[in-house]
Amino acid sequence: MKVNMKLILFLPIILISTLTFAQTKDSYEYDSEFTWGINKNSSGGLIGGFTFKKARKLNEHMLETFGLEVMNVKNPQETKQNSNFTGNSFIYGKSNYLYSLRFQYGRDIILFTKAPQQGVEIKAVFAAGPSLGIVAPYYIERTMDNSFYSSVHEQYDPNNPNHSFNNILGTGYLFEGLGQSNIQIGGNLKAALNFEFGFTKTQVSGFEVGVLLDSYFNEIVLMPTAENYSVFPTVFFTLFYGNRK
């Protein structure tokens, strides 16, 4: 049997080239990613807020992250009620909003990697940073002179006899009184698991579940007649989407 020596000599080169091409084709390498998400948490409403995160890969197992969360934080006693006059909803007893801007620096540790177009990549997420609390007045619309046809918008005050339940017609305008806000300083800590199942190399989609602690130096008075807090622990769920390169 005649053996082609040239073919034998070139077989290793062909094999190495084939494996290198396959590895490049199937690799899931990336250097950075940017994601944004919609958050649901135990201290917020139907939509707790929004998240933004920039990540840079340090090595094959770890990413450096820079994040921002914009959240609406509520008192646990807040419940929506309806006006006897209009049927419009409002939160009786609420005097202030708390909008929390959470700046975060952290690490994402890759626990399980995925193929480019299948599987799930799982990360352990750890982050911390300063919090900026914007405490804005909560405005109600109330009747004037017991007349249904004339009204005024004011920040709710439990000591004002005109702010009784029967006089309230609803809430004020969106972001009304934001210019009268005051600022509270604090910090936040976050730990979570991140599940990413994007179907292309350049897109990121998935969800994140975890716990977060948001703490301020001073008590935040959201409802004057209820117990108020300076520390807000929360459990959260975030749906996110983004891209990587």
Protein backbone atom coordinates (compact mmCIF):
# COMPACT_ATOMS: atom_id res chain seq x y z
CA MET A 1 0.00 0.00 0.00
CA LYS A 2 1.50 3.28 -1.12
CA VAL A 3 1.51 6.01 1.51
CA ASN A 4 1.43 9.68 0.52
CA MET A 5 4.16 11.16 2.73
CA LYS A 6 3.22 14.73 1.84
CA LEU A 7 -0.31 14.13 3.11
CA ILE A 8 1.02 12.67 6.37
CA LEU A 9 3.28 15.69 6.88
CA PHE A 10 0.46 18.14 6.28
CA LEU A 11 -2.13 16.33 8.42
CA PRO A 12 -0.97 17.93 11.73
CA ILE A 13 -1.05 21.38 10.13
CA ILE A 14 -4.55 20.75 8.76
CA LEU A 15 -5.74 19.41 12.14
CA ILE A 16 -4.33 22.37 14.08
CA SER A 17 -5.86 24.83 11.64
CA THR A 18 -9.27 23.10 11.88
CA LEU A 19 -9.24 23.12 15.70
CA THR A 20 -8.17 26.76 15.83
CA PHE A 21 -10.96 27.77 13.46
CA ALA A 22 -13.53 25.77 15.44
CA GLN A 23 -12.39 27.31 18.71
CA THR A 24 -12.59 30.81 17.26
CA LYS A 25 -16.00 30.11 15.75
CA ASP A 26 -17.45 28.69 18.98
CA SER A 27 -15.71 31.00 21.46
CA TYR A 28 -17.71 33.39 23.57
CA GLU A 29 -15.01 35.94 24.23
CA TYR A 30 -15.88 39.58 24.93
CA ASP A 31 -14.16 42.53 26.59
CA SER A 32 -17.01 44.73 27.78
CA GLU A 33 -20.79 44.97 27.99
CA PHE A 34 -23.47 47.55 28.72
CA THR A 35 -26.91 46.62 30.06
CA TRP A 36 -30.04 48.41 31.22
CA GLY A 37 -32.95 46.89 33.07
CA ILE A 38 -36.40 47.29 34.61
CA ASN A 39 -36.52 46.53 38.31
CA LYS A 40 -39.23 45.12 40.58
CA ASN A 41 -38.48 45.11 44.29
CA SER A 42 -40.09 44.77 47.71
CA SER A 43 -39.62 48.49 48.50
CA GLY A 44 -41.09 49.85 45.26
CA GLY A 45 -44.29 49.85 43.25
CA LEU A 46 -45.29 47.91 40.14
CA ILE A 47 -42.06 49.14 38.56
CA GLY A 48 -39.42 49.82 41.18
CA GLY A 49 -37.08 51.68 38.85
CA PHE A 50 -34.35 51.31 36.25
CA THR A 51 -30.79 50.01 36.26
CA PHE A 52 -27.74 50.75 34.09
CA LYS A 53 -24.44 48.86 34.22
CA LYS A 54 -21.13 49.01 32.38
CA ALA A 55 -18.86 45.99 32.80
CA ARG A 56 -15.24 45.43 31.77
CA LYS A 57 -13.71 41.97 31.71
CA LEU A 58 -10.66 41.63 33.95
CA ASN A 59 -10.03 37.97 33.15
CA GLU A 60 -12.00 34.93 32.02
CA HIS A 61 -13.67 34.61 35.43
CA MET A 62 -14.29 38.19 36.58
CA LEU A 63 -15.71 41.53 35.42
CA GLU A 64 -15.29 45.01 36.89
CA THR A 65 -18.64 46.85 37.00
CA PHE A 66 -19.91 50.43 37.24
CA GLY A 67 -23.63 50.78 37.89
CA LEU A 68 -26.42 53.26 38.45
CA GLU A 69 -29.87 52.49 39.83
CA VAL A 70 -32.75 54.98 39.79
CA MET A 71 -35.46 53.80 42.19
CA ASN A 72 -38.69 54.98 43.79
CA VAL A 73 -38.59 53.82 47.43
CA LYS A 74 -41.83 53.46 49.39
CA ASN A 75 -42.81 53.09 53.02
CA PRO A 76 -44.20 49.58 53.77
CA GLN A 77 -47.42 51.18 55.11
CA GLU A 78 -48.30 52.88 51.82
CA THR A 79 -51.58 51.74 50.27
CA LYS A 80 -53.60 53.30 47.48
CA GLN A 81 -57.13 54.48 48.24
CA ASN A 82 -59.83 56.09 46.15
CA SER A 83 -61.40 59.52 46.58
CA ASN A 84 -65.05 59.57 47.62
CA PHE A 85 -65.64 62.42 45.15
CA THR A 86 -63.71 61.47 42.00
CA GLY A 87 -62.69 57.85 42.44
CA ASN A 88 -59.08 58.88 41.71
CA SER A 89 -56.42 56.99 43.63
CA PHE A 90 -53.99 58.50 46.13
CA ILE A 91 -51.89 57.35 49.09
CA TYR A 92 -53.47 58.67 52.25
CA GLY A 93 -50.92 59.71 54.86
CA LYS A 94 -48.01 60.02 52.43
CA SER A 95 -46.10 63.30 52.65
CA ASN A 96 -42.91 62.68 50.64
CA TYR A 97 -41.46 60.62 47.82
CA LEU A 98 -37.98 59.09 48.00
CA TYR A 99 -36.13 58.80 44.70
CA SER A 100 -32.89 56.91 45.25
CA LEU A 101 -29.90 57.29 42.93
CA ARG A 102 -27.55 54.43 43.73
CA PHE A 103 -24.02 54.56 42.34
CA GLN A 104 -22.31 51.18 42.42
CA TYR A 105 -18.85 49.72 41.87
CA GLY A 106 -18.37 46.00 42.02
CA ARG A 107 -17.39 42.64 40.63
CA ASP A 108 -19.26 40.02 38.61
CA ILE A 109 -17.78 36.55 39.12
CA ILE A 110 -18.53 34.15 36.26
CA LEU A 111 -19.66 30.84 37.76
CA PHE A 112 -20.77 29.13 34.52
CA THR A 113 -20.02 30.21 30.96
CA LYS A 114 -22.19 29.58 27.91
CA ALA A 115 -21.81 28.81 24.24
CA PRO A 116 -22.40 31.75 21.85
CA GLN A 117 -25.97 30.82 20.92
CA GLN A 118 -27.14 28.46 23.64
CA GLY A 119 -27.11 27.83 27.36
CA VAL A 120 -27.00 30.22 30.29
CA GLU A 121 -24.13 32.23 31.73
CA ILE A 122 -24.41 32.58 35.53
CA LYS A 123 -22.59 35.25 37.52
CA ALA A 124 -22.34 36.10 41.20
CA VAL A 125 -22.83 39.86 41.54
CA PHE A 126 -21.38 42.03 44.31
CA ALA A 127 -21.53 45.84 44.33
CA ALA A 128 -21.50 48.79 46.71
CA GLY A 129 -21.40 52.56 46.57
CA PRO A 130 -22.93 55.88 47.67
CA SER A 131 -26.66 56.63 47.51
CA LEU A 132 -28.20 60.01 46.78
CA GLY A 133 -31.74 60.27 48.15
CA ILE A 134 -34.01 62.90 46.61
CA VAL A 135 -36.87 63.56 49.07
CA ALA A 136 -39.64 65.30 47.10
CA PRO A 137 -42.99 66.50 48.51
CA TYR A 138 -46.06 64.36 47.80
CA TYR A 139 -48.83 66.63 46.56
CA ILE A 140 -52.55 66.00 46.88
CA GLU A 141 -55.47 67.75 45.22
CA ARG A 142 -58.09 68.81 47.76
CA THR A 143 -61.38 70.67 47.68
CA MET A 144 -61.58 74.37 48.47
CA ASP A 145 -64.41 75.66 50.69
CA ASN A 146 -66.02 72.22 50.52
CA SER A 147 -66.72 72.81 46.83
CA PHE A 148 -66.29 69.97 44.35
CA TYR A 149 -65.69 72.50 41.53
CA SER A 150 -62.67 74.31 43.02
CA SER A 151 -59.50 72.66 44.28
CA VAL A 152 -55.89 73.32 45.25
CA HIS A 153 -52.69 71.26 45.14
CA GLU A 154 -50.69 71.05 48.39
CA GLN A 155 -48.17 68.80 50.07
CA TYR A 156 -50.04 66.43 52.36
CA ASP A 157 -49.88 67.53 56.00
CA PRO A 158 -51.58 65.34 58.66
CA ASN A 159 -51.95 68.42 60.89
CA ASN A 160 -53.95 70.34 58.30
CA PRO A 161 -57.72 69.87 58.94
CA ASN A 162 -58.37 70.50 55.22
CA HIS A 163 -56.39 67.36 54.38
CA SER A 164 -58.90 64.92 55.85
CA PHE A 165 -59.70 61.87 53.74
CA ASN A 166 -63.08 63.21 52.58
CA ASN A 167 -61.53 66.42 51.22
CA ILE A 168 -58.96 64.73 48.97
CA LEU A 169 -59.74 64.47 45.24
CA GLY A 170 -56.55 62.71 44.14
CA THR A 171 -52.81 63.24 43.73
CA GLY A 172 -51.03 66.25 42.28
CA TYR A 173 -49.31 66.40 38.91
CA LEU A 174 -46.42 64.12 37.98
CA PHE A 175 -43.16 65.44 39.51
CA GLU A 176 -45.04 68.38 41.06
CA GLY A 177 -42.94 69.95 43.81
CA LEU A 178 -39.71 68.33 42.64
CA GLY A 179 -38.05 71.74 42.86
CA GLN A 180 -38.69 71.77 46.63
CA SER A 181 -36.80 68.51 47.18
CA ASN A 182 -34.05 68.02 49.72
CA ILE A 183 -31.08 65.67 49.47
CA GLN A 184 -30.12 62.82 51.79
CA ILE A 185 -26.76 61.03 51.62
CA GLY A 186 -26.25 57.31 52.22
CA GLY A 187 -24.81 54.12 50.82
CA ASN A 188 -25.89 50.79 49.35
CA LEU A 189 -24.75 47.16 49.22
CA LYS A 190 -25.92 44.55 46.71
CA ALA A 191 -25.51 40.79 46.27
CA ALA A 192 -27.23 38.88 43.47
CA LEU A 193 -27.18 36.10 40.91
CA ASN A 194 -27.21 37.08 37.25
CA PHE A 195 -28.60 34.74 34.56
CA GLU A 196 -27.76 35.74 30.97
CA PHE A 197 -29.23 33.83 28.01
CA GLY A 198 -28.62 36.05 24.96
CA PHE A 199 -28.87 34.18 21.67
CA THR A 200 -26.19 36.15 19.80
CA LYS A 201 -22.61 37.07 20.66
CA THR A 202 -23.25 40.81 20.65
CA GLN A 203 -26.54 40.93 22.58
CA VAL A 204 -27.18 40.43 26.28
CA SER A 205 -30.52 39.56 27.86
CA GLY A 206 -31.56 37.86 31.06
CA PHE A 207 -32.55 38.50 34.65
CA GLU A 208 -30.97 39.19 38.01
CA VAL A 209 -32.28 38.30 41.48
CA GLY A 210 -30.83 39.32 44.79
CA VAL A 211 -30.89 41.47 47.90
CA LEU A 212 -29.95 45.11 48.42
CA LEU A 213 -29.49 47.34 51.45
CA ASP A 214 -30.01 51.09 50.99
CA SER A 215 -29.08 53.16 54.06
CA TYR A 216 -29.10 56.90 54.85
CA PHE A 217 -27.58 58.99 57.63
CA ASN A 218 -30.96 60.48 58.56
CA GLU A 219 -34.46 59.07 58.87
CA ILE A 220 -36.53 59.61 55.71
CA VAL A 221 -40.04 60.79 56.61
CA LEU A 222 -42.34 59.41 53.91
CA MET A 223 -45.46 59.05 56.09
CA PRO A 224 -45.51 61.34 59.17
CA THR A 225 -48.11 59.27 61.04
CA ALA A 226 -46.36 55.91 60.45
CA GLU A 227 -43.00 54.47 61.42
CA ASN A 228 -40.25 55.82 59.18
CA TYR A 229 -36.80 54.46 58.44
CA SER A 230 -33.26 55.33 57.44
CA VAL A 231 -32.45 51.79 56.24
CA PHE A 232 -34.36 50.10 53.41
CA PRO A 233 -33.60 46.38 52.86
CA THR A 234 -35.11 44.96 49.70
CA VAL A 235 -35.37 41.81 47.61
CA PHE A 236 -35.35 42.53 43.89
CA PHE A 237 -35.83 41.06 40.41
CA THR A 238 -34.44 42.83 37.33
CA LEU A 239 -35.03 42.08 33.66
CA PHE A 240 -32.11 43.40 31.61
CA TYR A 241 -31.01 43.82 28.01
CA GLY A 242 -27.86 45.16 26.38
CA ASN A 243 -24.89 44.55 24.16
CA ARG A 244 -21.30 43.41 24.44
CA LYS A 245 -18.15 43.63 22.38
